[in-house]
Amino acid sequence: MLRETTLRVDQLIAPLFIRPGLGARKPITSMPGQAQWSADLAVDEIRTLADRGIQAVLLFGIPAHKDLLGSENYNPEGVVPRAIRAIKHALPSMIVISDMCFCEYTTHGHCGIVNAPDVAGYDARLEAGYLLNDITLKLLGQASVVHAEAGADIIAPSGMLDGMVGAIRSALDVAHFEHIAIMSYAAKFASGLYGPFREAAEGAPQFGDRAQYQMDYANGREALREVALDIAEGADMLMVKPAGPYLDIIKCVRESCDLALAAYQVSGEYSMIKAAAANGWIDERRVALETLTAIRRAGADMIVTYFAKDAATWLM
């Protein structure tokens, strides 16, 4: 009765990794309990999630083909659009959030189009591998429309590119998808906690890192500037990523605006808890629920977490 912060199943968003093929479930070694799913088995898994009260999923694609432009991301027959259609056919009321980035789709593993002699827009003044922000924006808009046409309810741009929200909003509106919401990764930090995800999504950078476009983990005021820019560009919802080490950022964002706020408990946070629990050092259930409640206490309305399925059972 006196508890100030509540954690409910309908506040949890389950991330899923979608791979090509049929009948495929590939366990992710560094994330015990998680897997890559073919679309047909993903539908079965999402049906289980729905039965436990989870109302939203976030999809990441692992394409069969990668190239410099990440063209499978804007292919209407790409792995994620096909999965969206299958999910919406089987479970129309499930909220499908489509992660919008290029790291999983490109041969180089960066979140957009990089400077290279054989890429349109090549700029000899810039070093090879420099991310071409404005060229990428057009493709982000194109891919967002493809995913919206497939049935996505929410587009979630995660690359931290300048102007990404505005470009996607414009592309969606022109294509008459004004009703599709944008959940922006508004404050995404260049964190060391993404390691297991890069195995899961098969999208690790092949050179350099993502510090050109993700935030310095030492900066807090910058996060509020990034949030303000995304709000001005038309974001409907915001996200802070990672969650646990950035509770102060979540709190500051919550206090600075009234948009719905999500936080992403990332792969490294999940895997550390799993590893410690496997060694008998902590109680997995207790620590998982404690960390999720702390994220809620900091001000997050929704939490993207790999514990979603288990937490839904624990909270019943």
Protein backbone atom coordinates (compact mmCIF):
# COMPACT_ATOMS: atom_id res chain seq x y z
CA MET A 1 0.00 0.00 0.00
CA LEU A 2 2.86 2.39 0.75
CA ARG A 3 5.01 1.45 -2.24
CA GLU A 4 5.71 4.61 -4.28
CA THR A 5 6.76 3.00 -7.57
CA THR A 6 4.93 0.26 -9.40
CA LEU A 7 6.22 -2.12 -12.07
CA ARG A 8 3.57 -3.60 -14.35
CA VAL A 9 3.73 -6.05 -17.21
CA ASP A 10 2.15 -3.57 -19.62
CA GLN A 11 5.13 -1.24 -19.06
CA LEU A 12 7.56 -3.80 -20.52
CA ILE A 13 8.66 -4.03 -24.15
CA ALA A 14 10.27 -7.25 -25.35
CA PRO A 15 13.10 -6.98 -27.91
CA LEU A 16 13.28 -9.75 -30.54
CA PHE A 17 15.90 -10.57 -33.15
CA ILE A 18 14.46 -11.71 -36.48
CA ARG A 19 16.48 -13.88 -38.88
CA PRO A 20 15.67 -15.30 -42.32
CA GLY A 21 14.17 -18.72 -42.96
CA LEU A 22 11.55 -20.94 -41.39
CA GLY A 23 11.57 -22.96 -38.20
CA ALA A 24 14.78 -21.29 -37.04
CA ARG A 25 15.69 -20.53 -33.45
CA LYS A 26 19.37 -19.71 -32.88
CA PRO A 27 20.34 -19.22 -29.22
CA ILE A 28 22.51 -16.20 -28.43
CA THR A 29 25.50 -17.45 -26.45
CA SER A 30 26.25 -14.20 -24.61
CA MET A 31 22.58 -13.64 -23.72
CA PRO A 32 21.29 -16.81 -22.05
CA GLY A 33 17.59 -17.31 -22.69
CA GLN A 34 17.58 -15.09 -25.80
CA ALA A 35 17.60 -16.19 -29.44
CA GLN A 36 17.34 -15.14 -33.04
CA TRP A 37 13.94 -16.16 -34.43
CA SER A 38 12.63 -16.81 -37.90
CA ALA A 39 9.35 -14.97 -38.49
CA ASP A 40 7.15 -18.04 -38.02
CA LEU A 41 8.66 -18.96 -34.66
CA ALA A 42 8.75 -15.30 -33.65
CA VAL A 43 4.97 -15.28 -34.00
CA ASP A 44 4.74 -18.25 -31.62
CA GLU A 45 7.06 -16.53 -29.14
CA ILE A 46 5.10 -13.29 -29.33
CA ARG A 47 1.88 -15.20 -28.75
CA THR A 48 3.45 -16.48 -25.51
CA LEU A 49 4.45 -12.94 -24.57
CA ALA A 50 0.91 -11.71 -25.24
CA ASP A 51 -0.51 -14.49 -23.04
CA ARG A 52 1.65 -13.13 -20.21
CA GLY A 53 0.33 -9.59 -20.68
CA ILE A 54 3.13 -8.03 -22.73
CA GLN A 55 1.65 -5.59 -25.23
CA ALA A 56 4.64 -4.43 -27.30
CA VAL A 57 7.68 -5.89 -29.04
CA LEU A 58 10.73 -4.20 -30.57
CA LEU A 59 12.12 -5.89 -33.69
CA PHE A 60 15.72 -6.05 -34.90
CA GLY A 61 16.56 -7.64 -38.24
CA ILE A 62 19.41 -9.96 -39.20
CA PRO A 63 19.28 -10.00 -43.02
CA ALA A 64 20.54 -12.73 -45.32
CA HIS A 65 22.31 -10.08 -47.41
CA LYS A 66 24.34 -7.06 -46.32
CA ASP A 67 25.81 -4.27 -48.43
CA LEU A 68 27.26 -0.77 -48.10
CA LEU A 69 23.82 0.85 -48.23
CA GLY A 70 21.96 -1.55 -45.93
CA SER A 71 19.43 -2.08 -48.71
CA GLU A 72 17.64 -4.94 -46.94
CA ASN A 73 16.36 -2.39 -44.43
CA TYR A 74 14.25 -0.70 -47.11
CA ASN A 75 13.36 -3.85 -49.03
CA PRO A 76 9.59 -4.51 -48.71
CA GLU A 77 10.43 -8.22 -48.66
CA GLY A 78 13.19 -7.77 -46.09
CA VAL A 79 13.32 -9.83 -42.95
CA VAL A 80 11.63 -7.27 -40.66
CA PRO A 81 8.79 -6.18 -42.97
CA ARG A 82 7.94 -9.84 -43.58
CA ALA A 83 7.96 -10.47 -39.83
CA ILE A 84 5.78 -7.44 -39.15
CA ARG A 85 3.16 -8.68 -41.60
CA ALA A 86 3.20 -12.15 -40.02
CA ILE A 87 2.88 -10.75 -36.49
CA LYS A 88 0.07 -8.38 -37.40
CA HIS A 89 -1.81 -11.16 -39.19
CA ALA A 90 -1.60 -13.46 -36.17
CA LEU A 91 -1.81 -10.86 -33.39
CA PRO A 92 -3.36 -7.63 -34.68
CA SER A 93 -3.44 -5.96 -31.28
CA MET A 94 0.27 -6.49 -30.53
CA ILE A 95 2.13 -3.18 -30.75
CA VAL A 96 5.04 -3.65 -33.15
CA ILE A 97 7.94 -1.24 -32.80
CA SER A 98 10.49 -1.35 -35.61
CA ASP A 99 14.06 -0.41 -34.71
CA MET A 100 15.26 1.91 -37.44
CA CYS A 101 18.99 1.75 -37.98
CA PHE A 102 21.48 0.40 -40.52
CA CYS A 103 24.10 -1.30 -38.35
CA GLU A 104 22.59 -4.78 -38.77
CA TYR A 105 22.13 -4.33 -42.53
CA THR A 106 25.50 -2.94 -43.64
CA THR A 107 28.74 -4.78 -44.33
CA HIS A 108 30.64 -2.29 -42.19
CA GLY A 109 28.30 -2.39 -39.17
CA HIS A 110 27.85 1.35 -38.78
CA CYS A 111 24.50 3.06 -38.28
CA GLY A 112 24.40 4.76 -41.66
CA ILE A 113 26.16 5.22 -44.96
CA VAL A 114 29.91 5.67 -44.56
CA ASN A 115 32.29 7.65 -46.73
CA ALA A 116 33.74 5.36 -49.41
CA PRO A 117 34.80 5.94 -53.05
CA ASP A 118 32.08 3.66 -54.41
CA VAL A 119 29.24 5.31 -52.46
CA ALA A 120 27.12 8.09 -53.98
CA GLY A 121 27.91 11.26 -52.07
CA TYR A 122 31.55 10.32 -51.47
CA ASP A 123 33.45 13.31 -50.10
CA ALA A 124 37.21 13.20 -50.60
CA ARG A 125 37.65 15.83 -47.89
CA LEU A 126 36.44 13.40 -45.24
CA GLU A 127 38.27 10.35 -43.96
CA ALA A 128 37.22 6.93 -45.18
CA GLY A 129 34.56 5.44 -42.92
CA TYR A 130 33.17 8.78 -41.74
CA LEU A 131 29.40 8.49 -41.41
CA LEU A 132 27.57 10.57 -44.02
CA ASN A 133 24.74 11.90 -41.89
CA ASP A 134 22.53 13.67 -44.42
CA ILE A 135 22.70 10.94 -47.07
CA THR A 136 21.65 8.43 -44.44
CA LEU A 137 18.59 10.51 -43.48
CA LYS A 138 16.96 9.95 -46.87
CA LEU A 139 17.37 6.18 -46.56
CA LEU A 140 16.05 6.22 -42.98
CA GLY A 141 12.90 7.90 -44.27
CA GLN A 142 12.58 5.38 -47.10
CA ALA A 143 13.01 2.40 -44.78
CA SER A 144 10.56 3.83 -42.24
CA VAL A 145 7.85 4.05 -44.89
CA VAL A 146 8.51 0.43 -45.91
CA HIS A 147 8.15 -0.74 -42.31
CA ALA A 148 5.02 1.36 -41.82
CA GLU A 149 3.50 -0.14 -44.97
CA ALA A 150 4.18 -3.59 -43.51
CA GLY A 151 2.17 -2.69 -40.41
CA ALA A 152 4.62 -1.27 -37.85
CA ASP A 153 2.87 0.85 -35.22
CA ILE A 154 5.95 2.74 -34.06
CA ILE A 155 9.26 3.57 -35.76
CA ALA A 156 12.22 3.76 -33.36
CA PRO A 157 15.27 5.47 -34.90
CA SER A 158 18.30 4.38 -32.93
CA GLY A 159 21.33 5.74 -34.78
CA MET A 160 21.58 9.10 -32.97
CA LEU A 161 21.99 10.84 -36.32
CA ASP A 162 21.38 14.56 -36.52
CA GLY A 163 17.93 15.25 -37.95
CA MET A 164 16.78 11.63 -37.98
CA VAL A 165 13.42 12.31 -36.33
CA GLY A 166 12.56 15.15 -38.67
CA ALA A 167 13.55 13.16 -41.77
CA ILE A 168 11.47 10.16 -40.71
CA ARG A 169 8.49 12.28 -39.70
CA SER A 170 8.54 14.05 -43.05
CA ALA A 171 8.82 10.79 -45.02
CA LEU A 172 5.99 9.17 -43.07
CA ASP A 173 3.72 12.19 -43.47
CA VAL A 174 4.31 12.43 -47.21
CA ALA A 175 3.41 8.74 -47.52
CA HIS A 176 0.19 9.36 -45.52
CA PHE A 177 1.42 7.62 -42.38
CA GLU A 178 0.80 10.61 -40.13
CA HIS A 179 -0.62 8.24 -37.51
CA ILE A 180 2.61 6.25 -37.14
CA ALA A 181 4.45 7.28 -33.98
CA ILE A 182 8.18 7.86 -33.58
CA MET A 183 9.98 6.62 -30.49
CA SER A 184 13.37 8.28 -30.71
CA TYR A 185 16.52 6.94 -29.10
CA ALA A 186 17.03 10.55 -28.07
CA ALA A 187 19.87 10.00 -25.59
CA LYS A 188 21.90 6.99 -26.65
CA PHE A 189 25.35 6.77 -25.18
CA ALA A 190 28.51 5.22 -26.67
CA SER A 191 28.49 2.50 -24.04
CA GLY A 192 30.57 -0.58 -23.42
CA LEU A 193 27.38 -2.41 -22.43
CA TYR A 194 26.31 -3.20 -26.00
CA GLY A 195 28.73 -6.11 -26.51
CA PRO A 196 26.26 -9.02 -26.30
CA PHE A 197 23.81 -7.17 -28.57
CA ARG A 198 26.44 -7.03 -31.29
CA GLU A 199 26.63 -10.80 -31.26
CA ALA A 200 22.83 -11.04 -31.22
CA ALA A 201 22.29 -8.60 -34.09
CA GLU A 202 25.46 -9.56 -35.98
CA GLY A 203 26.14 -5.87 -36.45
CA ALA A 204 29.45 -5.08 -34.75
CA PRO A 205 31.42 -2.22 -36.41
CA GLN A 206 34.08 -3.61 -38.72
CA PHE A 207 36.31 -0.61 -38.04
CA GLY A 208 36.41 2.24 -35.54
CA ASP A 209 33.53 2.78 -33.15
CA ARG A 210 30.26 4.70 -32.99
CA ALA A 211 31.48 7.65 -30.95
CA GLN A 212 31.07 9.93 -33.99
CA TYR A 213 27.31 9.83 -33.55
CA GLN A 214 26.56 8.32 -30.14
CA MET A 215 26.98 10.37 -26.98
CA ASP A 216 29.96 10.59 -24.65
CA TYR A 217 28.94 8.73 -21.48
CA ALA A 218 30.40 11.58 -19.40
CA ASN A 219 27.89 14.12 -20.72
CA GLY A 220 24.58 14.83 -19.06
CA ARG A 221 23.60 18.33 -20.22
CA GLU A 222 24.21 17.29 -23.83
CA ALA A 223 21.56 14.60 -23.40
CA LEU A 224 18.97 17.26 -22.65
CA ARG A 225 19.99 19.21 -25.77
CA GLU A 226 19.61 16.05 -27.87
CA VAL A 227 16.19 15.41 -26.35
CA ALA A 228 15.07 18.97 -27.05
CA LEU A 229 16.11 18.67 -30.71
CA ASP A 230 14.14 15.44 -31.16
CA ILE A 231 11.07 16.95 -29.54
CA ALA A 232 11.30 19.94 -31.88
CA GLU A 233 11.54 17.56 -34.87
CA GLY A 234 8.33 15.76 -33.91
CA ALA A 235 9.23 12.81 -31.70
CA ASP A 236 6.19 11.28 -30.02
CA MET A 237 8.17 9.27 -27.46
CA LEU A 238 11.73 9.40 -26.18
CA MET A 239 14.24 6.80 -25.07
CA VAL A 240 17.36 6.76 -22.90
CA LYS A 241 19.85 3.97 -23.57
CA PRO A 242 21.40 2.28 -21.59
CA ALA A 243 19.15 2.44 -18.54
CA GLY A 244 20.80 1.29 -15.31
CA PRO A 245 23.98 3.43 -15.36
CA TYR A 246 21.99 6.41 -16.66
CA LEU A 247 19.21 6.74 -14.09
CA ASP A 248 20.23 10.36 -13.58
CA ILE A 249 19.65 11.04 -17.28
CA ILE A 250 16.24 9.34 -17.16
CA LYS A 251 15.30 11.50 -14.20
CA CYS A 252 16.50 14.71 -15.87
CA VAL A 253 14.64 13.92 -19.09
CA ARG A 254 11.51 13.06 -17.14
CA GLU A 255 11.66 16.40 -15.32
CA SER A 256 12.37 18.40 -18.49
CA CYS A 257 9.48 17.23 -20.69
CA ASP A 258 6.12 15.49 -20.57
CA LEU A 259 6.45 13.09 -23.52
CA ALA A 260 6.24 9.37 -22.90
CA LEU A 261 9.69 8.14 -21.88
CA ALA A 262 11.21 4.71 -22.45
CA ALA A 263 14.49 3.34 -21.14
CA TYR A 264 16.43 0.43 -22.63
CA GLN A 265 17.93 -2.07 -20.22
CA VAL A 266 20.58 -3.19 -22.69
CA SER A 267 22.22 -6.51 -23.40
CA GLY A 268 25.21 -5.94 -21.13
CA GLU A 269 22.97 -5.14 -18.18
CA TYR A 270 20.97 -8.30 -18.84
CA SER A 271 24.01 -10.52 -19.38
CA MET A 272 25.80 -9.32 -16.25
CA ILE A 273 22.80 -10.21 -14.11
CA LYS A 274 22.49 -13.57 -15.86
CA ALA A 275 26.19 -14.35 -15.39
CA ALA A 276 26.25 -13.38 -11.73
CA ALA A 277 23.10 -15.41 -11.08
CA ALA A 278 24.55 -18.44 -12.89
CA ASN A 279 27.52 -18.28 -10.53
CA GLY A 280 25.25 -18.15 -7.51
CA TRP A 281 26.38 -14.66 -6.55
CA ILE A 282 22.98 -12.97 -6.76
CA ASP A 283 19.31 -13.89 -6.92
CA GLU A 284 18.35 -13.33 -10.57
CA ARG A 285 14.67 -12.66 -10.00
CA ARG A 286 15.24 -10.29 -7.10
CA VAL A 287 17.95 -8.28 -8.87
CA ALA A 288 16.11 -8.16 -12.19
CA LEU A 289 12.94 -6.81 -10.57
CA GLU A 290 14.96 -4.41 -8.42
CA THR A 291 16.75 -2.93 -11.42
CA LEU A 292 13.55 -2.65 -13.45
CA THR A 293 11.80 -0.93 -10.56
CA ALA A 294 14.72 1.47 -10.19
CA ILE A 295 14.37 2.42 -13.87
CA ARG A 296 10.68 3.09 -13.29
CA ARG A 297 11.49 5.07 -10.13
CA ALA A 298 13.85 7.28 -12.12
CA GLY A 299 10.94 8.23 -14.37
CA ALA A 300 10.68 5.81 -17.28
CA ASP A 301 7.13 5.05 -18.41
CA MET A 302 8.21 2.00 -20.43
CA ILE A 303 11.20 -0.33 -20.27
CA VAL A 304 12.73 -2.26 -23.13
CA THR A 305 14.21 -5.30 -21.42
CA TYR A 306 15.32 -8.83 -22.24
CA PHE A 307 13.79 -9.81 -18.90
CA ALA A 308 10.31 -8.97 -20.23
CA LYS A 309 9.12 -12.56 -20.59
CA ASP A 310 10.43 -13.70 -17.20
CA ALA A 311 9.40 -10.50 -15.44
CA ALA A 312 5.88 -10.91 -16.79
CA THR A 313 5.72 -14.31 -15.07
CA TRP A 314 7.25 -12.99 -11.86
CA LEU A 315 4.76 -10.14 -11.72
CA MET A 316 1.67 -12.31 -12.19
